[in-house]
Amino acid sequence: MTKPTPWSTEHQRLADRVLALTPFDLPPTPWRLRQGITVHDNGKFLHWLQQDAKLGPRSPRARNGVLQEDMKRTLCVVLRHRMERILRAKAL
């Protein structure tokens, strides 16, 4: 068995940020991660994403870049959700 290639610093930072998320950081369900992937349960989604992130480069999804892309997309969704909450609070 070959040893997996270590993650880049960028990928490790993505994983660290994903591991720090809670289901409350995500928008209300349902929301779309990407074409064909709609999240209906934030807790389950985050559990599995974080399990993959903990595996790092050993994750089968990391080997082809899907995990890295899903982590980026999830963090973009979180940022967008936070900005929307801030704007709504300012509008009050």
C-alpha atoms as a PDB file:
ATOM      1  CA  MET A   1       0.000   0.000   0.000  1.00  0.00           C
ATOM      2  CA  THR A   2       1.378   3.379  -0.963  1.00  0.00           C
ATOM      3  CA  LYS A   3       1.569   6.206   1.523  1.00  0.00           C
ATOM      4  CA  PRO A   4      -0.826   9.071   0.714  1.00  0.00           C
ATOM      5  CA  THR A   5       0.649  12.365  -0.385  1.00  0.00           C
ATOM      6  CA  PRO A   6       0.516  14.909   2.465  1.00  0.00           C
ATOM      7  CA  TRP A   7      -1.988  17.695   2.126  1.00  0.00           C
ATOM      8  CA  SER A   8      -0.924  21.147   1.149  1.00  0.00           C
ATOM      9  CA  THR A   9      -1.055  23.885   3.775  1.00  0.00           C
ATOM     10  CA  GLU A  10      -4.190  25.228   2.069  1.00  0.00           C
ATOM     11  CA  HIS A  11      -5.961  21.864   2.307  1.00  0.00           C
ATOM     12  CA  GLN A  12      -4.990  21.474   5.950  1.00  0.00           C
ATOM     13  CA  ARG A  13      -6.365  24.939   6.719  1.00  0.00           C
ATOM     14  CA  LEU A  14      -9.631  24.042   4.982  1.00  0.00           C
ATOM     15  CA  ALA A  15      -9.862  20.853   7.026  1.00  0.00           C
ATOM     16  CA  ASP A  16      -9.130  22.730  10.272  1.00  0.00           C
ATOM     17  CA  ARG A  17     -11.898  25.220   9.529  1.00  0.00           C
ATOM     18  CA  VAL A  18     -14.374  22.477   8.636  1.00  0.00           C
ATOM     19  CA  LEU A  19     -13.530  20.613  11.840  1.00  0.00           C
ATOM     20  CA  ALA A  20     -14.360  23.743  13.844  1.00  0.00           C
ATOM     21  CA  LEU A  21     -17.874  24.064  12.359  1.00  0.00           C
ATOM     22  CA  THR A  22     -21.088  23.163  14.140  1.00  0.00           C
ATOM     23  CA  PRO A  23     -24.455  22.446  12.510  1.00  0.00           C
ATOM     24  CA  PHE A  24     -25.598  25.890  13.705  1.00  0.00           C
ATOM     25  CA  ASP A  25     -22.997  27.517  11.428  1.00  0.00           C
ATOM     26  CA  LEU A  26     -24.821  26.143   8.388  1.00  0.00           C
ATOM     27  CA  PRO A  27     -27.922  27.714   6.823  1.00  0.00           C
ATOM     28  CA  PRO A  28     -31.393  26.310   7.389  1.00  0.00           C
ATOM     29  CA  THR A  29     -32.079  23.192   5.366  1.00  0.00           C
ATOM     30  CA  PRO A  30     -32.540  22.376   2.598  1.00  0.00           C
ATOM     31  CA  TRP A  31     -29.583  24.004   0.863  1.00  0.00           C
ATOM     32  CA  ARG A  32     -27.562  23.054  -2.195  1.00  0.00           C
ATOM     33  CA  LEU A  33     -23.886  22.189  -1.894  1.00  0.00           C
ATOM     34  CA  ARG A  34     -23.400  21.498  -5.588  1.00  0.00           C
ATOM     35  CA  GLN A  35     -25.283  19.994  -8.516  1.00  0.00           C
ATOM     36  CA  GLY A  36     -26.912  16.794  -7.320  1.00  0.00           C
ATOM     37  CA  ILE A  37     -26.105  17.393  -3.629  1.00  0.00           C
ATOM     38  CA  THR A  38     -28.785  18.995  -1.484  1.00  0.00           C
ATOM     39  CA  VAL A  39     -28.298  19.009   2.280  1.00  0.00           C
ATOM     40  CA  HIS A  40     -31.409  18.078   4.266  1.00  0.00           C
ATOM     41  CA  ASP A  41     -29.779  17.404   7.649  1.00  0.00           C
ATOM     42  CA  ASN A  42     -26.948  19.713   8.737  1.00  0.00           C
ATOM     43  CA  GLY A  43     -25.839  17.416  11.548  1.00  0.00           C
ATOM     44  CA  LYS A  44     -25.461  14.335   9.352  1.00  0.00           C
ATOM     45  CA  PHE A  45     -23.835  16.291   6.539  1.00  0.00           C
ATOM     46  CA  LEU A  46     -21.315  17.899   8.844  1.00  0.00           C
ATOM     47  CA  HIS A  47     -20.585  14.620  10.634  1.00  0.00           C
ATOM     48  CA  TRP A  48     -19.583  12.896   7.400  1.00  0.00           C
ATOM     49  CA  LEU A  49     -17.690  15.888   6.032  1.00  0.00           C
ATOM     50  CA  GLN A  50     -15.713  16.140   9.272  1.00  0.00           C
ATOM     51  CA  GLN A  51     -15.009  12.394   9.272  1.00  0.00           C
ATOM     52  CA  ASP A  52     -13.505  12.753   5.796  1.00  0.00           C
ATOM     53  CA  ALA A  53     -11.567  15.855   6.868  1.00  0.00           C
ATOM     54  CA  LYS A  54     -10.081  13.911   9.808  1.00  0.00           C
ATOM     55  CA  LEU A  55      -8.845  11.251   7.384  1.00  0.00           C
ATOM     56  CA  GLY A  56      -7.110  13.955   5.391  1.00  0.00           C
ATOM     57  CA  PRO A  57      -5.282  12.701   2.324  1.00  0.00           C
ATOM     58  CA  ARG A  58      -6.206   9.099   3.216  1.00  0.00           C
ATOM     59  CA  SER A  59      -9.873   9.819   2.465  1.00  0.00           C
ATOM     60  CA  PRO A  60     -10.942   8.263  -0.832  1.00  0.00           C
ATOM     61  CA  ARG A  61     -12.759  11.521  -1.666  1.00  0.00           C
ATOM     62  CA  ALA A  62      -9.569  13.513  -1.036  1.00  0.00           C
ATOM     63  CA  ARG A  63      -7.603  11.446  -3.532  1.00  0.00           C
ATOM     64  CA  ASN A  64      -9.629  12.813  -6.423  1.00  0.00           C
ATOM     65  CA  GLY A  65     -10.178  16.311  -5.008  1.00  0.00           C
ATOM     66  CA  VAL A  66     -13.887  15.998  -4.210  1.00  0.00           C
ATOM     67  CA  LEU A  67     -13.370  16.429  -0.464  1.00  0.00           C
ATOM     68  CA  GLN A  68     -11.297  19.565  -0.935  1.00  0.00           C
ATOM     69  CA  GLU A  69     -13.940  21.034  -3.234  1.00  0.00           C
ATOM     70  CA  ASP A  70     -16.751  20.149  -0.819  1.00  0.00           C
ATOM     71  CA  MET A  71     -14.850  21.755   2.059  1.00  0.00           C
ATOM     72  CA  LYS A  72     -14.356  24.949   0.030  1.00  0.00           C
ATOM     73  CA  ARG A  73     -17.992  25.042  -0.997  1.00  0.00           C
ATOM     74  CA  THR A  74     -19.179  24.402   2.559  1.00  0.00           C
ATOM     75  CA  LEU A  75     -17.045  27.223   3.916  1.00  0.00           C
ATOM     76  CA  CYS A  76     -18.411  29.557   1.209  1.00  0.00           C
ATOM     77  CA  VAL A  77     -21.960  28.590   2.222  1.00  0.00           C
ATOM     78  CA  VAL A  78     -21.106  29.294   5.878  1.00  0.00           C
ATOM     79  CA  LEU A  79     -19.609  32.688   5.023  1.00  0.00           C
ATOM     80  CA  ARG A  80     -22.615  33.628   2.879  1.00  0.00           C
ATOM     81  CA  HIS A  81     -24.979  32.548   5.682  1.00  0.00           C
ATOM     82  CA  ARG A  82     -23.059  34.627   8.251  1.00  0.00           C
ATOM     83  CA  MET A  83     -23.121  37.687   6.008  1.00  0.00           C
ATOM     84  CA  GLU A  84     -26.866  37.328   5.458  1.00  0.00           C
ATOM     85  CA  ARG A  85     -27.430  37.161   9.237  1.00  0.00           C
ATOM     86  CA  ILE A  86     -25.320  40.290   9.762  1.00  0.00           C
ATOM     87  CA  LEU A  87     -27.173  42.201   7.053  1.00  0.00           C
ATOM     88  CA  ARG A  88     -30.559  41.133   8.439  1.00  0.00           C
ATOM     89  CA  ALA A  89     -29.518  42.249  11.942  1.00  0.00           C
ATOM     90  CA  LYS A  90     -28.390  45.654  10.621  1.00  0.00           C
ATOM     91  CA  ALA A  91     -31.685  46.092   8.774  1.00  0.00           C
ATOM     92  CA  LEU A  92     -33.631  45.793  12.015  1.00  0.00           C
END
